[in-house]
Amino acid sequence: MYYGYQAGYTAPDPRQPHMPAQPGLMLARAYILPQTYTRAFSPEEALREGTLFPELVRPYEKKKHQGGWA
């Protein structure tokens, strides 16, 4: 039977980091601001706002662009 892998194939070790495509190249780095849990939205508010945590709400301002609102 054929299961989609080559005979003798060894799966990569998930505990070992992958090397970048080019030596010395950092592809991405996440930066997360420290957050303090203060309160949570009610389930209805959370669905409306898109998050359970009020600290994460960042409303966007509508700006007038050529041809209409964005």
PDB file of N, CA and C in Angstrom:
ATOM      1  N   MET A   1       0.828  -1.189   0.000  1.00  0.00           N
ATOM      2  CA  MET A   1       0.000   0.000   0.000  1.00  0.00           C
ATOM      3  C   MET A   1       0.868   1.246   0.000  1.00  0.00           C
ATOM      4  N   TYR A   2       0.325   2.291  -0.606  1.00  0.00           N
ATOM      5  CA  TYR A   2       1.027   3.568  -0.657  1.00  0.00           C
ATOM      6  C   TYR A   2       0.315   4.553   0.260  1.00  0.00           C
ATOM      7  N   TYR A   3       1.036   5.105   1.224  1.00  0.00           N
ATOM      8  CA  TYR A   3       0.448   6.036   2.182  1.00  0.00           C
ATOM      9  C   TYR A   3       0.905   7.467   1.960  1.00  0.00           C
ATOM     10  N   GLY A   4       1.576   7.784   0.871  1.00  0.00           N
ATOM     11  CA  GLY A   4       1.967   9.154   0.565  1.00  0.00           C
ATOM     12  C   GLY A   4       3.316   9.566   1.122  1.00  0.00           C
ATOM     13  N   TYR A   5       4.126   8.634   1.578  1.00  0.00           N
ATOM     14  CA  TYR A   5       5.458   8.995   2.057  1.00  0.00           C
ATOM     15  C   TYR A   5       6.480   8.042   1.465  1.00  0.00           C
ATOM     16  N   GLN A   6       7.704   8.505   1.399  1.00  0.00           N
ATOM     17  CA  GLN A   6       8.784   7.719   0.827  1.00  0.00           C
ATOM     18  C   GLN A   6       9.305   6.718   1.845  1.00  0.00           C
ATOM     19  N   ALA A   7       9.725   5.556   1.379  1.00  0.00           N
ATOM     20  CA  ALA A   7      10.341   4.574   2.269  1.00  0.00           C
ATOM     21  C   ALA A   7      11.614   5.187   2.841  1.00  0.00           C
ATOM     22  N   GLY A   8      11.824   5.036   4.117  1.00  0.00           N
ATOM     23  CA  GLY A   8      13.010   5.595   4.755  1.00  0.00           C
ATOM     24  C   GLY A   8      12.854   7.045   5.180  1.00  0.00           C
ATOM     25  N   TYR A   9      11.675   7.623   4.955  1.00  0.00           N
ATOM     26  CA  TYR A   9      11.428   9.015   5.342  1.00  0.00           C
ATOM     27  C   TYR A   9      11.365   9.129   6.854  1.00  0.00           C
ATOM     28  N   THR A  10      12.041  10.133   7.392  1.00  0.00           N
ATOM     29  CA  THR A  10      11.991  10.415   8.819  1.00  0.00           C
ATOM     30  C   THR A  10      11.344  11.780   9.004  1.00  0.00           C
ATOM     31  N   ALA A  11      10.283  11.833   9.760  1.00  0.00           N
ATOM     32  CA  ALA A  11       9.599  13.099  10.004  1.00  0.00           C
ATOM     33  C   ALA A  11      10.503  14.031  10.795  1.00  0.00           C
ATOM     34  N   PRO A  12      10.441  15.358  10.529  1.00  0.00           N
ATOM     35  CA  PRO A  12      11.257  16.299  11.295  1.00  0.00           C
ATOM     36  C   PRO A  12      10.859  16.305  12.764  1.00  0.00           C
ATOM     37  N   ASP A  13      11.830  16.561  13.612  1.00  0.00           N
ATOM     38  CA  ASP A  13      11.598  16.616  15.051  1.00  0.00           C
ATOM     39  C   ASP A  13      10.943  17.955  15.388  1.00  0.00           C
ATOM     40  N   PRO A  14       9.699  17.976  15.880  1.00  0.00           N
ATOM     41  CA  PRO A  14       9.036  19.253  16.163  1.00  0.00           C
ATOM     42  C   PRO A  14       9.697  20.039  17.285  1.00  0.00           C
ATOM     43  N   ARG A  15      10.570  19.412  18.058  1.00  0.00           N
ATOM     44  CA  ARG A  15      11.252  20.128  19.138  1.00  0.00           C
ATOM     45  C   ARG A  15      12.441  20.924  18.640  1.00  0.00           C
ATOM     46  N   GLN A  16      12.886  20.660  17.420  1.00  0.00           N
ATOM     47  CA  GLN A  16      14.028  21.365  16.851  1.00  0.00           C
ATOM     48  C   GLN A  16      13.526  22.512  15.970  1.00  0.00           C
ATOM     49  N   PRO A  17      14.054  23.734  16.152  1.00  0.00           N
ATOM     50  CA  PRO A  17      13.605  24.854  15.321  1.00  0.00           C
ATOM     51  C   PRO A  17      14.069  24.674  13.876  1.00  0.00           C
ATOM     52  N   HIS A  18      13.268  25.185  12.945  1.00  0.00           N
ATOM     53  CA  HIS A  18      13.633  25.134  11.536  1.00  0.00           C
ATOM     54  C   HIS A  18      14.642  26.243  11.251  1.00  0.00           C
ATOM     55  N   MET A  19      15.583  25.968  10.406  1.00  0.00           N
ATOM     56  CA  MET A  19      16.569  26.978  10.023  1.00  0.00           C
ATOM     57  C   MET A  19      15.929  27.924   9.014  1.00  0.00           C
ATOM     58  N   PRO A  20      16.217  29.236   9.080  1.00  0.00           N
ATOM     59  CA  PRO A  20      15.675  30.170   8.092  1.00  0.00           C
ATOM     60  C   PRO A  20      16.227  29.864   6.699  1.00  0.00           C
ATOM     61  N   ALA A  21      15.546  30.389   5.682  1.00  0.00           N
ATOM     62  CA  ALA A  21      15.950  30.156   4.300  1.00  0.00           C
ATOM     63  C   ALA A  21      17.358  30.682   4.047  1.00  0.00           C
ATOM     64  N   GLN A  22      17.717  31.795   4.672  1.00  0.00           N
ATOM     65  CA  GLN A  22      19.054  32.359   4.532  1.00  0.00           C
ATOM     66  C   GLN A  22      19.664  32.472   5.920  1.00  0.00           C
ATOM     67  N   PRO A  23      20.906  32.072   6.081  1.00  0.00           N
ATOM     68  CA  PRO A  23      21.534  32.179   7.408  1.00  0.00           C
ATOM     69  C   PRO A  23      21.502  33.621   7.915  1.00  0.00           C
ATOM     70  N   GLY A  24      21.187  33.787   9.191  1.00  0.00           N
ATOM     71  CA  GLY A  24      21.174  35.112   9.806  1.00  0.00           C
ATOM     72  C   GLY A  24      19.931  35.927   9.506  1.00  0.00           C
ATOM     73  N   LEU A  25      18.967  35.362   8.778  1.00  0.00           N
ATOM     74  CA  LEU A  25      17.753  36.089   8.424  1.00  0.00           C
ATOM     75  C   LEU A  25      16.650  35.765   9.417  1.00  0.00           C
ATOM     76  N   MET A  26      16.124  36.799  10.089  1.00  0.00           N
ATOM     77  CA  MET A  26      14.999  36.600  10.997  1.00  0.00           C
ATOM     78  C   MET A  26      13.744  36.956  10.224  1.00  0.00           C
ATOM     79  N   LEU A  27      12.818  36.015  10.140  1.00  0.00           N
ATOM     80  CA  LEU A  27      11.644  36.220   9.309  1.00  0.00           C
ATOM     81  C   LEU A  27      10.559  37.031   9.994  1.00  0.00           C
ATOM     82  N   ALA A  28      10.334  36.818  11.273  1.00  0.00           N
ATOM     83  CA  ALA A  28       9.269  37.542  11.958  1.00  0.00           C
ATOM     84  C   ALA A  28       9.495  37.485  13.459  1.00  0.00           C
ATOM     85  N   ARG A  29       8.945  38.463  14.141  1.00  0.00           N
ATOM     86  CA  ARG A  29       8.988  38.479  15.599  1.00  0.00           C
ATOM     87  C   ARG A  29       7.685  39.090  16.098  1.00  0.00           C
ATOM     88  N   ALA A  30       7.051  38.412  17.014  1.00  0.00           N
ATOM     89  CA  ALA A  30       5.793  38.921  17.570  1.00  0.00           C
ATOM     90  C   ALA A  30       6.086  39.837  18.756  1.00  0.00           C
ATOM     91  N   TYR A  31       5.313  40.895  18.864  1.00  0.00           N
ATOM     92  CA  TYR A  31       5.417  41.791  20.006  1.00  0.00           C
ATOM     93  C   TYR A  31       4.034  41.942  20.603  1.00  0.00           C
ATOM     94  N   ILE A  32       3.900  41.599  21.846  1.00  0.00           N
ATOM     95  CA  ILE A  32       2.612  41.657  22.524  1.00  0.00           C
ATOM     96  C   ILE A  32       2.742  42.582  23.727  1.00  0.00           C
ATOM     97  N   LEU A  33       1.896  43.597  23.760  1.00  0.00           N
ATOM     98  CA  LEU A  33       1.917  44.524  24.886  1.00  0.00           C
ATOM     99  C   LEU A  33       1.451  43.823  26.155  1.00  0.00           C
ATOM    100  N   PRO A  34       2.023  44.168  27.293  1.00  0.00           N
ATOM    101  CA  PRO A  34       1.519  43.599  28.551  1.00  0.00           C
ATOM    102  C   PRO A  34       0.059  44.013  28.753  1.00  0.00           C
ATOM    103  N   GLN A  35      -0.753  43.071  29.185  1.00  0.00           N
ATOM    104  CA  GLN A  35      -2.173  43.354  29.382  1.00  0.00           C
ATOM    105  C   GLN A  35      -2.587  42.960  30.791  1.00  0.00           C
ATOM    106  N   THR A  36      -3.447  43.775  31.359  1.00  0.00           N
ATOM    107  CA  THR A  36      -3.989  43.495  32.683  1.00  0.00           C
ATOM    108  C   THR A  36      -5.460  43.160  32.527  1.00  0.00           C
ATOM    109  N   TYR A  37      -5.864  42.024  33.045  1.00  0.00           N
ATOM    110  CA  TYR A  37      -7.265  41.623  32.968  1.00  0.00           C
ATOM    111  C   TYR A  37      -8.051  42.441  33.982  1.00  0.00           C
ATOM    112  N   THR A  38      -9.018  43.204  33.488  1.00  0.00           N
ATOM    113  CA  THR A  38      -9.825  44.015  34.393  1.00  0.00           C
ATOM    114  C   THR A  38     -11.268  43.537  34.422  1.00  0.00           C
ATOM    115  N   ARG A  39     -11.868  43.350  33.267  1.00  0.00           N
ATOM    116  CA  ARG A  39     -13.243  42.873  33.202  1.00  0.00           C
ATOM    117  C   ARG A  39     -13.452  42.232  31.840  1.00  0.00           C
ATOM    118  N   ALA A  40     -14.628  41.659  31.646  1.00  0.00           N
ATOM    119  CA  ALA A  40     -14.967  41.041  30.367  1.00  0.00           C
ATOM    120  C   ALA A  40     -16.319  41.560  29.904  1.00  0.00           C
ATOM    121  N   PHE A  41     -16.510  41.580  28.590  1.00  0.00           N
ATOM    122  CA  PHE A  41     -17.805  41.927  28.029  1.00  0.00           C
ATOM    123  C   PHE A  41     -18.796  40.811  28.323  1.00  0.00           C
ATOM    124  N   SER A  42     -20.057  41.155  28.301  1.00  0.00           N
ATOM    125  CA  SER A  42     -21.102  40.121  28.346  1.00  0.00           C
ATOM    126  C   SER A  42     -21.013  39.360  27.020  1.00  0.00           C
ATOM    127  N   PRO A  43     -21.591  38.172  26.943  1.00  0.00           N
ATOM    128  CA  PRO A  43     -21.528  37.431  25.677  1.00  0.00           C
ATOM    129  C   PRO A  43     -22.073  38.217  24.483  1.00  0.00           C
ATOM    130  N   GLU A  44     -23.160  38.966  24.683  1.00  0.00           N
ATOM    131  CA  GLU A  44     -23.734  39.753  23.591  1.00  0.00           C
ATOM    132  C   GLU A  44     -22.777  40.851  23.136  1.00  0.00           C
ATOM    133  N   GLU A  45     -22.187  41.561  24.120  1.00  0.00           N
ATOM    134  CA  GLU A  45     -21.220  42.615  23.778  1.00  0.00           C
ATOM    135  C   GLU A  45     -19.993  42.027  23.097  1.00  0.00           C
ATOM    136  N   ALA A  46     -19.524  40.889  23.591  1.00  0.00           N
ATOM    137  CA  ALA A  46     -18.333  40.251  23.016  1.00  0.00           C
ATOM    138  C   ALA A  46     -18.560  39.895  21.557  1.00  0.00           C
ATOM    139  N   LEU A  47     -19.733  39.371  21.221  1.00  0.00           N
ATOM    140  CA  LEU A  47     -20.023  39.064  19.816  1.00  0.00           C
ATOM    141  C   LEU A  47     -20.072  40.325  18.967  1.00  0.00           C
ATOM    142  N   ARG A  48     -20.640  41.393  19.513  1.00  0.00           N
ATOM    143  CA  ARG A  48     -20.742  42.646  18.769  1.00  0.00           C
ATOM    144  C   ARG A  48     -19.367  43.283  18.554  1.00  0.00           C
ATOM    145  N   GLU A  49     -18.502  43.241  19.575  1.00  0.00           N
ATOM    146  CA  GLU A  49     -17.190  43.886  19.508  1.00  0.00           C
ATOM    147  C   GLU A  49     -16.111  43.010  18.869  1.00  0.00           C
ATOM    148  N   GLY A  50     -16.350  41.688  18.865  1.00  0.00           N
ATOM    149  CA  GLY A  50     -15.364  40.791  18.267  1.00  0.00           C
ATOM    150  C   GLY A  50     -14.292  40.335  19.231  1.00  0.00           C
ATOM    151  N   THR A  51     -14.444  40.641  20.510  1.00  0.00           N
ATOM    152  CA  THR A  51     -13.484  40.215  21.523  1.00  0.00           C
ATOM    153  C   THR A  51     -14.182  40.178  22.872  1.00  0.00           C
ATOM    154  N   LEU A  52     -13.689  39.360  23.760  1.00  0.00           N
ATOM    155  CA  LEU A  52     -14.232  39.276  25.108  1.00  0.00           C
ATOM    156  C   LEU A  52     -13.676  40.376  26.001  1.00  0.00           C
ATOM    157  N   PHE A  53     -12.513  40.909  25.623  1.00  0.00           N
ATOM    158  CA  PHE A  53     -11.783  41.841  26.486  1.00  0.00           C
ATOM    159  C   PHE A  53     -11.875  43.277  25.984  1.00  0.00           C
ATOM    160  N   PRO A  54     -12.445  44.191  26.789  1.00  0.00           N
ATOM    161  CA  PRO A  54     -12.595  45.585  26.369  1.00  0.00           C
ATOM    162  C   PRO A  54     -11.263  46.261  26.024  1.00  0.00           C
ATOM    163  N   GLU A  55     -10.184  45.839  26.653  1.00  0.00           N
ATOM    164  CA  GLU A  55      -8.880  46.457  26.400  1.00  0.00           C
ATOM    165  C   GLU A  55      -8.402  46.242  24.962  1.00  0.00           C
ATOM    166  N   LEU A  56      -8.964  45.242  24.272  1.00  0.00           N
ATOM    167  CA  LEU A  56      -8.527  44.940  22.914  1.00  0.00           C
ATOM    168  C   LEU A  56      -9.342  45.651  21.849  1.00  0.00           C
ATOM    169  N   VAL A  57     -10.376  46.371  22.232  1.00  0.00           N
ATOM    170  CA  VAL A  57     -11.220  47.069  21.258  1.00  0.00           C
ATOM    171  C   VAL A  57     -10.479  48.305  20.775  1.00  0.00           C
ATOM    172  N   ARG A  58     -10.288  48.395  19.478  1.00  0.00           N
ATOM    173  CA  ARG A  58      -9.648  49.550  18.847  1.00  0.00           C
ATOM    174  C   ARG A  58     -10.548  50.004  17.707  1.00  0.00           C
ATOM    175  N   PRO A  59     -11.492  50.899  17.990  1.00  0.00           N
ATOM    176  CA  PRO A  59     -12.410  51.321  16.927  1.00  0.00           C
ATOM    177  C   PRO A  59     -11.680  52.083  15.819  1.00  0.00           C
ATOM    178  N   TYR A  60     -12.101  51.831  14.603  1.00  0.00           N
ATOM    179  CA  TYR A  60     -11.533  52.522  13.448  1.00  0.00           C
ATOM    180  C   TYR A  60     -12.399  53.716  13.116  1.00  0.00           C
ATOM    181  N   GLU A  61     -11.750  54.794  12.698  1.00  0.00           N
ATOM    182  CA  GLU A  61     -12.478  55.977  12.288  1.00  0.00           C
ATOM    183  C   GLU A  61     -12.762  55.874  10.798  1.00  0.00           C
ATOM    184  N   LYS A  62     -13.982  56.238  10.421  1.00  0.00           N
ATOM    185  CA  LYS A  62     -14.310  56.259   9.001  1.00  0.00           C
ATOM    186  C   LYS A  62     -13.682  57.489   8.381  1.00  0.00           C
ATOM    187  N   LYS A  63     -13.047  57.302   7.255  1.00  0.00           N
ATOM    188  CA  LYS A  63     -12.406  58.420   6.558  1.00  0.00           C
ATOM    189  C   LYS A  63     -13.027  58.559   5.180  1.00  0.00           C
ATOM    190  N   LYS A  64     -13.222  59.786   4.771  1.00  0.00           N
ATOM    191  CA  LYS A  64     -13.777  60.060   3.465  1.00  0.00           C
ATOM    192  C   LYS A  64     -12.669  59.890   2.420  1.00  0.00           C
ATOM    193  N   HIS A  65     -12.927  59.026   1.444  1.00  0.00           N
ATOM    194  CA  HIS A  65     -11.998  58.810   0.345  1.00  0.00           C
ATOM    195  C   HIS A  65     -12.681  59.224  -0.952  1.00  0.00           C
ATOM    196  N   GLN A  66     -11.879  59.412  -1.950  1.00  0.00           N
ATOM    197  CA  GLN A  66     -12.439  59.754  -3.246  1.00  0.00           C
ATOM    198  C   GLN A  66     -13.364  58.619  -3.696  1.00  0.00           C
ATOM    199  N   GLY A  67     -14.602  58.915  -3.953  1.00  0.00           N
ATOM    200  CA  GLY A  67     -15.549  57.899  -4.380  1.00  0.00           C
ATOM    201  C   GLY A  67     -16.426  57.383  -3.268  1.00  0.00           C
ATOM    202  N   GLY A  68     -16.237  57.816  -2.032  1.00  0.00           N
ATOM    203  CA  GLY A  68     -17.121  57.370  -0.960  1.00  0.00           C
ATOM    204  C   GLY A  68     -16.391  57.175   0.347  1.00  0.00           C
ATOM    205  N   TRP A  69     -17.089  56.540   1.274  1.00  0.00           N
ATOM    206  CA  TRP A  69     -16.541  56.285   2.604  1.00  0.00           C
ATOM    207  C   TRP A  69     -15.796  54.972   2.610  1.00  0.00           C
ATOM    208  N   ALA A  70     -14.773  54.898   3.449  1.00  0.00           N
ATOM    209  CA  ALA A  70     -14.024  53.638   3.571  1.00  0.00           C
ATOM    210  C   ALA A  70     -14.191  53.102   4.981  1.00  0.00           C
TER     211      ALA A  70
END
